[in-house]
């Protein structure tokens, strides 16, 4: 798979929830950070979104926003509107004047992702992805959100699998568009994939993760000198080439250990280490515990709670 597909597959989006949000007149709300991904599609009107203390940006009818790991944010009718702190709710929300037809309508939602894989993978993505209504895939996202709403409201067989697939498609659509101009992309995977020379390197790293890569080999693949490649990669991705490879290998290792379906010798080979001992040393140095201890901790974390017996 390509890097974006790899990341979405390991994030395993699931358990979606969505609700209508409306407003009228002047209003403002703010939320504390809660870490899970959040998304919103504006159906009518305009609001202003201020993420993590940044300046508010307008979100217009037809615009779609994805917050891969929702930080503190404010939602405002006007950029200078006062806001009140509110708690996340699973109920439909009405802001501002409670009387009359709303002048703003939005569909908002959240979903869960694999907690073991999330920290390293979300660090590669922007804090906010804003797909404007003028972008060619905005209509596709609108249709996907419509299907998500229908599925959330239903209780039909296969509901969770359909929701998971729709969330995967929604995330891929957002990441393919980027929702940002080339000059505005922060350091991370999206910026790397939009740089042809680095995209070749990233695709190679992901498709042949077990290969004994060197910076010199990757520089040759990028068509650059070793020093120029190392500097460009670090500036664009936010970490050095070998650091990126090490993080990706450990992400794959943690995922496999969480599932518990691979021996240590085989896992070491699959993620590019010469032996189980070399892999265990690298794993302990980066994660802070042995592979066995990590696997046991994940089994305990996912074990169903014991039921009380009367």
Foldseek 3Di string as FASTA:
>chain_A
DAPLLVLLVQFQWFDKAKAKEFEADWAKAKEAFDFFKKKKAWQADWKWKDAPNHQTDIAHHLKMKIFRTGHIMMITRDSPGDYYYDYDDRYYYYTDDPDDDTRTMMMMMTTGTDVLLPPLSCVQADRMAMGHNPDPCSVVLVVLVVVLVVLNPDDDPPSGVVNSVSVSVNVVSRLVVRNDDLVPGQAHDSVQCVLVLSSQLSRVCVVCQQDPDDLCVSCVSSVHHSVVSQVVNCRRNVHGPVVVSLSVLLSVLLSCLLVPPDDLQVSCNRRHHPGSVVVQVSNCVPVVDGSVVSSVVSCVVPDDDDDDDD
